[in-house]
Structures are given as C-alpha cells and as structure tokens.
Amino acid sequence: MTEARIRLRLNQQQLELIDNSVKAGESGGREELVLRALRAFAADHLPPTDREKAR
C-alpha cells in the first residue's frame, strides 16, 4: 500500500462533530474516524483498481 499525506481544513463545527462522535464511542480518535470516512468515500467514488490502493 502506498502512503499519502493529506491535509484537511475543518471548521469549528466540523471538529465538534468529530469530537462528539469520538466521545460517543464511534471511534478511538479523530484520526481513526477521518481514515474510516476516507476509506468509505474511496469505496464509493474510486474505480476498482484505485479502491484497492485506498485500503
């Protein structure tokens, strides 16, 4: 798997939503939650060959 570095810009409301999800036990932390969201997005939007790279 190839690693890629991305930078997200989130506003205060988005950060609060992420933090509330973490507090509710939906994830172990911000990073884990964002990675899960990116993987879900990739599964829905990338061609099959690129999907494998996103895992």
Protein backbone atom coordinates (compact mmCIF):
# COMPACT_ATOMS: atom_id res chain seq x y z
CA MET A 1 0.00 0.00 0.00
CA THR A 2 1.25 3.46 -0.87
CA GLU A 3 1.09 6.10 1.80
CA ALA A 4 -0.17 9.57 1.04
CA ARG A 5 -0.24 12.63 3.21
CA ILE A 6 -3.31 14.82 3.07
CA ARG A 7 -4.24 18.00 4.85
CA LEU A 8 -7.79 18.68 5.97
CA ARG A 9 -9.18 22.06 6.84
CA LEU A 10 -12.13 21.71 9.14
CA ASN A 11 -14.15 24.47 10.68
CA GLN A 12 -15.07 24.55 14.36
CA GLN A 13 -18.45 22.90 13.82
CA GLN A 14 -16.89 20.01 11.89
CA LEU A 15 -14.31 19.47 14.62
CA GLU A 16 -17.05 19.46 17.23
CA LEU A 17 -18.99 16.84 15.26
CA ILE A 18 -15.89 14.66 15.04
CA ASP A 19 -15.15 15.11 18.73
CA ASN A 20 -18.75 14.28 19.65
CA SER A 21 -18.55 11.10 17.57
CA VAL A 22 -15.36 10.13 19.38
CA LYS A 23 -16.95 10.87 22.77
CA ALA A 24 -19.94 8.72 21.79
CA GLY A 25 -17.57 5.81 21.25
CA GLU A 26 -17.92 5.66 17.48
CA SER A 27 -14.15 5.82 17.10
CA GLY A 28 -10.94 5.73 19.08
CA GLY A 29 -9.92 9.22 17.97
CA ARG A 30 -10.07 11.89 15.31
CA GLU A 31 -7.51 10.22 13.06
CA GLU A 32 -9.29 6.86 13.12
CA LEU A 33 -12.64 8.47 12.33
CA VAL A 34 -11.24 10.51 9.43
CA LEU A 35 -9.46 7.46 7.97
CA ARG A 36 -12.69 5.46 8.14
CA ALA A 37 -14.55 8.26 6.37
CA LEU A 38 -11.88 8.50 3.66
CA ARG A 39 -12.00 4.74 3.08
CA ALA A 40 -15.79 4.82 2.78
CA PHE A 41 -15.57 7.71 0.34
CA ALA A 42 -12.94 5.88 -1.74
CA ALA A 43 -15.07 2.73 -1.82
CA ASP A 44 -17.99 4.71 -3.21
CA HIS A 45 -16.14 7.00 -5.62
CA LEU A 46 -12.90 5.44 -6.89
CA PRO A 47 -12.57 2.93 -9.73
CA PRO A 48 -11.97 -0.68 -8.58
CA THR A 49 -8.18 -0.59 -9.15
CA ASP A 50 -7.82 2.59 -7.08
CA ARG A 51 -10.06 1.20 -4.34
CA GLU A 52 -7.53 -1.50 -3.57
CA LYS A 53 -4.84 1.14 -3.09
CA ALA A 54 -7.06 3.04 -0.63
CA ARG A 55 -7.32 0.12 1.81
